[in-house]
Amino acid sequence: MKKTLIILLITLFCSPGFTAAQEKAKDPNQLFYKANAYYESGDYDKAVENYVAILDSGIESGNVYYNIGNGFLKLGKTGYAILSYEKANKFIPGDGDLKSNLEYARSLTDSPPSDGSGRNLIVRIIRRPFRDLNLNAVAICTFALYLAFLVALAISIGSRKLAIKLRFITPVIVIVFFFALASFALRYYEEKILSHGIVVQKEAECRYEPIDKSTVFYKLAEGNKVVVLKTRNGWRQVRRADGKVSWVKKEAVELI
């Protein structure tokens, strides 16, 4: 009897119909429609669960992260909402709705504004013209300006008359090119070299050493953005916006 039952179960789970149903359940489009339906009905836990399932299927999207952020915001999990919005910002940095929701989420916490007001003035100036573009778009702009400079240089060498006409345009192209190059280098360093994290707990105690008995150095509020320097034995070493370095429990800070 037991052997017969096992054979029946194997036949059921290996049948084409069951496999097709599984594939349909994992289909990103189906998951997206289901998640939207759950969100509209007010079942935000299920909505987030299905949006996350899309990510688990190997598809990353700014809109999916944005929707996850909205779901967490409705659930009152502001830290996770900000984390999701920050992830979405890597894909759709110029999206107006994303910017508004991120700023609103930050307003619900003690986290600083995201407009770069805490940065060095020169850094803010370099970032500003390209702040609504993702890293790939900045790279394309930089390469296009480089090609424009080469073309202008080739024309100037080949024709004295054209060189005179381009004597004001070429320096402008060079200046804008180096500006774009500086912006790309800065963005690349921040997004690819540095690791950033968001505090997802209401309050995180930051200590001098990665041990529970160590003295508390300072506290971080939910939604605060930090640079994560290293992760070790259940702790993360983080650097606050003012440069102060400390250790915090790993679960208190999630990587962007």
Foldseek 3Di string as FASTA:
>chain_A
DVVVVVVVVVCVCPDPVNVVVVVCLLPLVNLQVVLVVCVVVPVLVSNLVSLVSSVVVVDDALVSLQSNLVSCVSVVQLLSSLVSLVSSCLHFVQDPVSLVSNQVSCVVKVADGPLCPLPDPVLSVLQPVCRRPHLVVLVVVLVVLVVVLVVLVVVVVVDVVSVVVCVPVNVVSVVVNVSSVVNSVVNCCPPPVWWKKFFRDQKWFWFADPDPPGDGPDMDGGGYMWTFDDDDDQWTWTAHSVGDITITGPVRIDID
